Each structure stands twice: as C-alpha cells, then as structure tokens.
Protein backbone atom coordinates (compact mmCIF):
# COMPACT_ATOMS: atom_id res chain seq x y z
CA ASP A 1 0.00 0.00 0.00
CA PRO A 2 1.26 3.50 -0.78
CA ASP A 3 2.81 5.68 1.94
CA ASP A 4 3.21 9.02 0.17
CA ASP A 5 4.47 10.99 3.18
CA GLY A 6 7.09 8.40 4.26
CA ASP A 7 5.99 7.95 7.89
CA ASN A 8 5.64 4.14 7.58
CA ILE A 9 1.85 4.34 7.87
CA THR A 10 -0.16 3.60 4.74
CA ASP A 11 -2.24 6.31 3.10
CA VAL A 12 -5.34 4.11 3.48
CA THR A 13 -4.81 3.94 7.26
CA GLU A 14 -4.19 7.67 7.59
CA ASN A 15 -7.17 8.53 5.39
CA GLY A 16 -9.37 6.61 7.86
CA ALA A 17 -8.59 9.09 10.65
CA PRO A 18 -11.40 11.30 12.02
CA ASN A 19 -12.47 14.37 10.04
CA GLY A 20 -12.04 12.59 6.69
CA GLY A 21 -8.36 11.80 7.30
CA ASP A 22 -7.44 15.13 8.92
CA GLY A 23 -7.01 14.00 12.54
CA ASN A 24 -5.42 17.25 13.73
CA ASN A 25 -7.97 19.49 11.93
CA ASP A 26 -5.40 21.60 10.07
CA GLY A 27 -7.24 21.45 6.74
CA LEU A 28 -4.83 18.97 5.10
CA LEU A 29 -4.94 15.18 4.78
CA ASP A 30 -2.57 13.56 7.27
CA SER A 31 -1.43 11.15 4.55
CA THR A 32 0.10 14.10 2.62
CA GLN A 33 2.13 15.57 5.50
CA SER A 34 5.48 14.17 6.64
CA ALA A 35 5.12 15.83 10.07
CA VAL A 36 1.66 14.35 10.77
CA ALA A 37 0.85 10.67 11.29
CA SER A 38 -2.52 9.05 12.05
CA GLN A 39 -3.18 5.43 12.82
CA VAL A 40 -5.35 3.03 14.77
CA ASN A 41 -4.20 2.66 18.36
CA ASP A 42 -3.88 -1.13 18.71
CA VAL A 43 -4.24 -0.83 22.50
CA SER A 44 -7.46 1.24 22.68
CA GLY A 45 -8.91 0.57 19.23
CA GLY A 46 -9.43 4.30 18.48
CA TYR A 47 -7.45 6.56 16.16
CA VAL A 48 -4.56 8.69 17.41
CA THR A 49 -2.85 11.47 15.45
CA MET A 50 0.73 12.64 16.04
CA VAL A 51 2.04 16.06 14.96
CA ALA A 52 5.77 16.88 15.11
CA GLU A 53 7.31 20.34 15.04
CA CYS A 54 11.11 20.71 14.85
CA GLY A 55 13.41 21.81 12.06
CA ASP A 56 12.32 19.94 8.93
CA SER A 57 10.01 17.66 11.00
CA LYS A 58 9.78 14.33 9.23
CA ILE A 59 8.15 11.48 11.15
CA THR A 60 9.99 8.31 10.12
CA ARG A 61 8.29 5.90 12.55
CA TYR A 62 5.21 5.92 14.75
CA ASP A 63 3.73 2.93 16.54
CA VAL A 64 1.48 2.56 19.56
CA THR A 65 2.51 -0.49 21.57
CA PRO A 66 1.33 -2.02 24.82
CA GLU A 67 3.48 -1.29 27.87
CA SER A 68 4.01 -5.06 28.14
CA SER A 69 6.22 -4.91 25.01
CA ASN A 70 8.87 -2.93 26.95
CA PRO A 71 11.75 -4.98 28.39
CA LEU A 72 10.78 -3.77 31.88
CA GLN A 73 7.19 -3.65 33.16
CA ASP A 74 5.84 -0.77 35.25
CA SER A 75 3.99 -2.40 38.15
CA SER A 76 2.82 0.93 39.59
CA ARG A 77 0.89 2.24 36.54
CA ASP A 78 -1.57 1.16 33.84
CA TYR A 79 -1.11 2.37 30.25
CA ASN A 80 -4.63 1.99 28.84
CA LEU A 81 -3.79 3.97 25.69
CA GLY A 82 -0.42 2.27 25.15
CA MET A 83 3.02 3.75 24.63
CA ASN A 84 3.76 6.18 21.76
CA ASN A 85 6.94 4.93 20.11
CA PHE A 86 8.17 7.36 17.48
CA GLU A 87 11.15 8.73 15.65
CA ILE A 88 11.37 12.19 14.10
CA ASP A 89 14.07 13.47 11.79
CA CYS A 90 14.49 17.13 12.81
CA GLY A 91 17.50 17.74 10.59
CA ASP A 92 19.56 19.76 13.08
CA ALA A 93 21.42 18.20 16.02
CA GLY A 94 20.22 19.44 19.40
CA SER A 95 16.80 20.47 18.08
CA THR A 96 13.84 20.93 20.40
CA ALA A 97 10.88 18.89 19.21
CA GLU A 98 7.29 19.70 20.09
CA VAL A 99 5.13 16.63 19.64
CA THR A 100 1.35 16.61 20.06
CA PHE A 101 -0.90 13.55 20.22
CA PHE A 102 -4.62 13.86 19.49
CA TYR A 103 -6.53 10.94 21.02
CA ASP A 104 -9.86 9.49 19.93
CA LYS A 105 -12.14 11.13 22.51
CA LEU A 106 -12.26 13.34 25.57
CA TYR A 107 -10.86 11.55 28.62
CA ASP A 108 -10.83 12.49 32.29
CA VAL A 109 -7.13 13.28 32.76
CA SER A 110 -7.42 14.37 36.40
CA ASN A 111 -5.41 11.36 37.58
CA TRP A 112 -3.22 10.91 34.49
CA GLU A 113 0.56 11.16 34.38
CA TYR A 114 2.59 11.17 31.19
CA VAL A 115 5.46 8.71 31.58
CA LYS A 116 8.57 8.05 29.50
CA PHE A 117 10.27 4.67 29.38
CA ASP A 118 13.99 5.44 29.42
CA GLU A 119 15.50 2.51 27.52
CA THR A 120 19.06 3.62 28.28
CA GLN A 121 18.59 3.48 32.06
CA ASN A 122 15.74 0.92 31.95
CA ILE A 123 13.45 3.06 34.14
CA TYR A 124 10.11 4.84 33.91
CA ARG A 125 10.15 8.63 34.44
CA THR A 126 7.15 10.90 34.91
CA LEU A 127 7.18 13.96 32.65
CA ALA A 128 5.62 17.01 34.28
CA SER A 129 4.67 20.37 32.78
CA PRO A 130 6.15 21.93 30.68
CA ALA A 131 7.67 18.68 29.33
CA ALA A 132 4.18 17.14 29.01
CA VAL A 133 0.90 19.08 29.07
CA PHE A 134 -2.62 17.66 28.70
CA SER A 135 -5.26 19.80 26.98
CA ILE A 136 -8.52 19.70 25.05
CA ALA A 137 -8.37 19.98 21.25
CA ASN A 138 -10.90 19.66 18.46
CA ASN A 139 -10.21 17.15 15.68
CA GLY A 140 -12.85 18.63 13.38
CA VAL A 141 -15.50 16.20 14.60
CA SER A 142 -15.45 16.53 18.38
CA ASP A 143 -13.37 17.64 21.36
CA VAL A 144 -10.61 15.17 22.22
CA THR A 145 -7.81 14.83 24.73
CA ALA A 146 -4.42 16.02 23.48
CA VAL A 147 -0.99 15.90 25.07
CA LYS A 148 1.96 18.06 24.02
CA LEU A 149 5.54 16.96 24.69
CA VAL A 150 8.69 19.05 24.52
CA ILE A 151 11.79 16.91 23.89
CA VAL A 152 15.37 18.11 23.36
CA ASP A 153 17.51 16.01 21.04
CA GLY A 154 20.55 14.60 22.82
CA THR A 155 19.42 15.22 26.39
CA GLU A 156 15.79 14.14 26.69
CA ASP A 157 15.21 11.70 23.86
CA ASP A 158 15.74 7.97 23.87
CA ASP A 159 19.22 7.67 22.35
CA ASN A 160 20.79 10.61 24.27
CA LEU A 161 22.74 11.48 21.11
CA ASN A 162 22.97 14.91 19.47
CA SER A 163 21.95 13.40 16.14
CA GLY A 164 19.05 15.47 14.83
CA THR A 165 16.80 12.47 15.38
CA VAL A 166 14.36 12.47 18.29
CA ALA A 167 13.03 9.08 19.42
CA ASP A 168 10.89 8.38 22.43
CA PRO A 169 8.69 5.67 23.97
CA SER A 170 6.14 7.28 26.30
CA GLY A 171 2.47 7.37 27.11
CA PRO A 172 -0.32 8.48 29.45
CA SER A 173 -0.81 6.37 32.56
CA VAL A 174 -2.82 6.05 35.73
CA ALA A 175 -1.61 4.69 39.04
CA THR A 176 -2.41 1.03 39.56
CA VAL A 177 -5.08 0.49 42.18
CA VAL A 178 -3.80 -1.95 44.74
CA SER A 179 -6.50 -3.75 46.65
CA VAL A 180 -5.74 -4.64 50.22
CA ALA A 181 -7.56 -7.52 51.86
CA PRO A 182 -9.29 -6.49 55.08
CA THR A 183 -7.57 -7.65 58.21
CA GLU A 184 -9.43 -9.41 60.94
CA GLN A 185 -9.80 -7.38 64.11
CA PRO A 186 -8.98 -9.15 67.37
CA SER A 187 -12.09 -10.02 69.31
CA THR A 188 -12.65 -8.36 72.64
CA THR A 189 -14.33 -10.09 75.52
CA GLN A 190 -16.21 -8.35 78.23
CA ASN A 191 -16.21 -9.56 81.81
C-alpha cells in the first residue's frame, strides 16, 4: 500500500482518521504531511494522530505499543492507551521537538501522568509540565484529549545522542489500584 508521506503508515490507514483523514484538523490530509501521522491505536482501538514540530520535521516511525512490550514492566501504573513509540528526523542536532498527540475522545485526565520509558537506564520517568501538558483539542469532529511533549535532542530523547533524530517511547498512565484484603480485628471479651 502506498505511503506518500514516508511515515511508515499507509495512506489508506491515515485517510481513515477522524475528520475525513485530517485527525489534527489543520485542513490537510494527514497522509500528505510528513510531520503528521494518524493510525489506529492497537491498544485502545481508536485513532490517534501525532504532529511533530522541529526543524524539517519528518516522522519516520510511529507505533502505539502495549506497555508489556517494553523490556521492563511498570507495576505501579496502567497504560490503557499504550506507549507512543516514534522517531522524528528534525535535521539539526540538538533540536527541540514539540510533539502533540490527538486521542480518539475526551478523557478524564485528572489522575493521568505522562510517563517516559527510558530505555538507556531501563526506568520509567514521569514527565511534568512543561515537558508534558494535557489539553482539550478539536479534531474537526469533536473535542478530544491532546498531550503536548517538549523533547530536546541529545538530552531528553531515547538515544541521548545529538543526532538530529528524536526518538521516544512514552504514554499516558494512571496509578495502579492496589486492593488490600481487610484484616481481621482481634475479638474483645467483656467480663
């Protein structure tokens, strides 16, 4: 299948995004823009659209994978919308990339945290504002949850190299609810 914008997502898939294939509502088909990628989120089943802004901004890879595909599992959080695994060619080493994800609907983000899986150190790190900011956006059909990331090539991306390429595995999460079995109270006897 053709992939005219070179983001490794077929035109057919991108043209199925909300708003007639314009998932970020910018007036252009996502399948024609190298800095925009839309696909079905295999974890949630809904569409998600990624927009990259940095230098020449060419998305070369974008997948949504379950957290269980990481070499280390995060036992303290659930990733119900999966992990955004992407690579952007910014052109210039040390570039700052602004990446926005438009999800499939409006979610309650009051207890969400955006978390990066640091493959170099094999740890999960929470990204707070201004590195990750949740907001409401309109995809041309309805209001949806969006998250904007700010990532600096060479210091905050996955490879830690000043290469002009920004790569990152990260996603929204909620703390795992741990159920605690009730303990039996000692009986008291009255005399």
